[in-house]
Amino acid sequence: MADNVRRFLHIGFGDIVPTKELNAALENVFNEAPDWARYTPTTWVLWTAQSPKVWAEKIRAVPGLPPSASFVIFPIQASEKWGYHQKWFWEWLEKIRQ
């Protein structure tokens, strides 16, 4: 997918301890996306035109992230969604974006 097409990317960490400092450092990087939401202590969704590879490189450079930290990044199709979560998250997904 071209880097000029915005879409949702799911970013999930498998083995980090989400300290206040690490979350702040990650969110500082995620602020480079037009929009993002953290919906579990170790899971974010970004609205971005940048590729998963670009985000992986940015995440690897986050201060305080253990070198052995595992994470996955992949596009999600939010038009086909179902589940049970807090209302704010569903509203965030449905928000009109440019």
C-alpha atoms as a PDB file:
ATOM      1  CA  MET A   1       0.000   0.000   0.000  1.00  0.00           C
ATOM      2  CA  ALA A   2       1.321   3.439  -0.875  1.00  0.00           C
ATOM      3  CA  ASP A   3       2.544   5.551   2.013  1.00  0.00           C
ATOM      4  CA  ASN A   4       0.113   8.343   1.135  1.00  0.00           C
ATOM      5  CA  VAL A   5      -2.998   6.277   1.957  1.00  0.00           C
ATOM      6  CA  ARG A   6      -4.071   6.520   5.574  1.00  0.00           C
ATOM      7  CA  ARG A   7      -5.339   3.459   7.348  1.00  0.00           C
ATOM      8  CA  PHE A   8      -5.485   1.893  10.794  1.00  0.00           C
ATOM      9  CA  LEU A   9      -2.465   0.012  12.091  1.00  0.00           C
ATOM     10  CA  HIS A  10      -2.683  -2.258  15.108  1.00  0.00           C
ATOM     11  CA  ILE A  11       0.394  -2.245  17.357  1.00  0.00           C
ATOM     12  CA  GLY A  12       0.545  -4.826  20.100  1.00  0.00           C
ATOM     13  CA  PHE A  13       3.356  -5.614  22.512  1.00  0.00           C
ATOM     14  CA  GLY A  14       3.772  -9.107  23.841  1.00  0.00           C
ATOM     15  CA  ASP A  15       6.149  -8.896  26.746  1.00  0.00           C
ATOM     16  CA  ILE A  16       6.725  -5.361  27.985  1.00  0.00           C
ATOM     17  CA  VAL A  17       5.818  -3.996  31.382  1.00  0.00           C
ATOM     18  CA  PRO A  18       3.835  -0.840  30.564  1.00  0.00           C
ATOM     19  CA  THR A  19       5.463   1.638  32.948  1.00  0.00           C
ATOM     20  CA  LYS A  20       4.372   5.253  32.989  1.00  0.00           C
ATOM     21  CA  GLU A  21       7.725   6.300  31.531  1.00  0.00           C
ATOM     22  CA  LEU A  22       7.669   3.760  28.706  1.00  0.00           C
ATOM     23  CA  ASN A  23       4.075   4.603  27.791  1.00  0.00           C
ATOM     24  CA  ALA A  24       4.978   8.306  27.697  1.00  0.00           C
ATOM     25  CA  ALA A  25       7.943   7.574  25.413  1.00  0.00           C
ATOM     26  CA  LEU A  26       5.822   5.405  23.092  1.00  0.00           C
ATOM     27  CA  GLU A  27       3.029   7.963  22.994  1.00  0.00           C
ATOM     28  CA  ASN A  28       5.545  10.680  22.158  1.00  0.00           C
ATOM     29  CA  VAL A  29       6.425   8.657  19.038  1.00  0.00           C
ATOM     30  CA  PHE A  30       2.778   7.801  18.282  1.00  0.00           C
ATOM     31  CA  ASN A  31       1.980  11.539  18.370  1.00  0.00           C
ATOM     32  CA  GLU A  32       3.668  11.640  14.951  1.00  0.00           C
ATOM     33  CA  ALA A  33       0.556   9.892  13.588  1.00  0.00           C
ATOM     34  CA  PRO A  34      -2.511  12.021  12.795  1.00  0.00           C
ATOM     35  CA  ASP A  35      -4.466  10.053  15.426  1.00  0.00           C
ATOM     36  CA  TRP A  36      -4.051   7.098  17.777  1.00  0.00           C
ATOM     37  CA  ALA A  37      -5.748   5.322  20.664  1.00  0.00           C
ATOM     38  CA  ARG A  38      -4.479   2.937  23.330  1.00  0.00           C
ATOM     39  CA  TYR A  39      -7.219   0.454  24.120  1.00  0.00           C
ATOM     40  CA  THR A  40      -5.330  -1.939  26.412  1.00  0.00           C
ATOM     41  CA  PRO A  41      -2.179  -1.376  28.473  1.00  0.00           C
ATOM     42  CA  THR A  42      -0.006  -2.743  25.644  1.00  0.00           C
ATOM     43  CA  THR A  43      -2.128  -2.227  22.508  1.00  0.00           C
ATOM     44  CA  TRP A  44      -2.512   0.822  20.284  1.00  0.00           C
ATOM     45  CA  VAL A  45      -4.289   1.604  17.027  1.00  0.00           C
ATOM     46  CA  LEU A  46      -2.800   4.336  14.855  1.00  0.00           C
ATOM     47  CA  TRP A  47      -4.384   6.245  11.991  1.00  0.00           C
ATOM     48  CA  THR A  48      -1.448   6.783   9.648  1.00  0.00           C
ATOM     49  CA  ALA A  49      -0.138   6.811   6.098  1.00  0.00           C
ATOM     50  CA  GLN A  50       3.224   5.399   7.153  1.00  0.00           C
ATOM     51  CA  SER A  51       4.032   1.735   6.700  1.00  0.00           C
ATOM     52  CA  PRO A  52       4.316  -0.850   9.470  1.00  0.00           C
ATOM     53  CA  LYS A  53       8.064  -1.021   8.713  1.00  0.00           C
ATOM     54  CA  VAL A  54       8.490   2.717   9.323  1.00  0.00           C
ATOM     55  CA  TRP A  55       6.626   2.438  12.627  1.00  0.00           C
ATOM     56  CA  ALA A  56       8.671  -0.598  13.667  1.00  0.00           C
ATOM     57  CA  GLU A  57      11.859   1.400  13.153  1.00  0.00           C
ATOM     58  CA  LYS A  58      10.450   4.299  15.187  1.00  0.00           C
ATOM     59  CA  ILE A  59       9.372   1.979  17.990  1.00  0.00           C
ATOM     60  CA  ARG A  60      12.756   0.224  18.131  1.00  0.00           C
ATOM     61  CA  ALA A  61      14.352   3.649  18.729  1.00  0.00           C
ATOM     62  CA  VAL A  62      12.088   4.500  21.707  1.00  0.00           C
ATOM     63  CA  PRO A  63      14.211   5.222  24.792  1.00  0.00           C
ATOM     64  CA  GLY A  64      13.607   2.697  27.539  1.00  0.00           C
ATOM     65  CA  LEU A  65      12.179  -0.002  25.266  1.00  0.00           C
ATOM     66  CA  PRO A  66      14.014  -3.237  26.065  1.00  0.00           C
ATOM     67  CA  PRO A  67      15.972  -4.502  23.039  1.00  0.00           C
ATOM     68  CA  SER A  68      14.232  -7.862  23.396  1.00  0.00           C
ATOM     69  CA  ALA A  69      10.723  -6.345  23.403  1.00  0.00           C
ATOM     70  CA  SER A  70       8.380  -8.165  21.045  1.00  0.00           C
ATOM     71  CA  PHE A  71       5.616  -6.420  19.124  1.00  0.00           C
ATOM     72  CA  VAL A  72       3.495  -6.822  16.035  1.00  0.00           C
ATOM     73  CA  ILE A  73       2.208  -4.207  13.621  1.00  0.00           C
ATOM     74  CA  PHE A  74      -0.394  -4.886  10.970  1.00  0.00           C
ATOM     75  CA  PRO A  75      -3.160  -3.030   9.124  1.00  0.00           C
ATOM     76  CA  ILE A  76      -6.704  -3.567  10.311  1.00  0.00           C
ATOM     77  CA  GLN A  77      -9.921  -3.170   8.403  1.00  0.00           C
ATOM     78  CA  ALA A  78     -12.088  -1.241  10.853  1.00  0.00           C
ATOM     79  CA  SER A  79     -15.098  -1.355   8.523  1.00  0.00           C
ATOM     80  CA  GLU A  80     -15.503  -5.024   9.488  1.00  0.00           C
ATOM     81  CA  LYS A  81     -15.437  -4.969  13.255  1.00  0.00           C
ATOM     82  CA  TRP A  82     -17.221  -6.618  16.109  1.00  0.00           C
ATOM     83  CA  GLY A  83     -16.559  -7.065  19.774  1.00  0.00           C
ATOM     84  CA  TYR A  84     -17.179  -5.752  23.231  1.00  0.00           C
ATOM     85  CA  HIS A  85     -15.241  -2.766  24.439  1.00  0.00           C
ATOM     86  CA  GLN A  86     -15.785   0.642  25.967  1.00  0.00           C
ATOM     87  CA  LYS A  87     -17.982   3.076  24.058  1.00  0.00           C
ATOM     88  CA  TRP A  88     -15.188   5.648  23.629  1.00  0.00           C
ATOM     89  CA  PHE A  89     -13.140   3.193  21.568  1.00  0.00           C
ATOM     90  CA  TRP A  90     -15.974   2.424  19.134  1.00  0.00           C
ATOM     91  CA  GLU A  91     -16.596   6.168  18.775  1.00  0.00           C
ATOM     92  CA  TRP A  92     -12.903   6.729  18.128  1.00  0.00           C
ATOM     93  CA  LEU A  93     -12.912   4.106  15.359  1.00  0.00           C
ATOM     94  CA  GLU A  94     -15.999   5.646  13.748  1.00  0.00           C
ATOM     95  CA  LYS A  95     -14.662   9.207  13.883  1.00  0.00           C
ATOM     96  CA  ILE A  96     -14.459  10.884  10.469  1.00  0.00           C
ATOM     97  CA  ARG A  97     -10.850  11.488   9.502  1.00  0.00           C
ATOM     98  CA  GLN A  98      -9.147  13.111   6.540  1.00  0.00           C
END
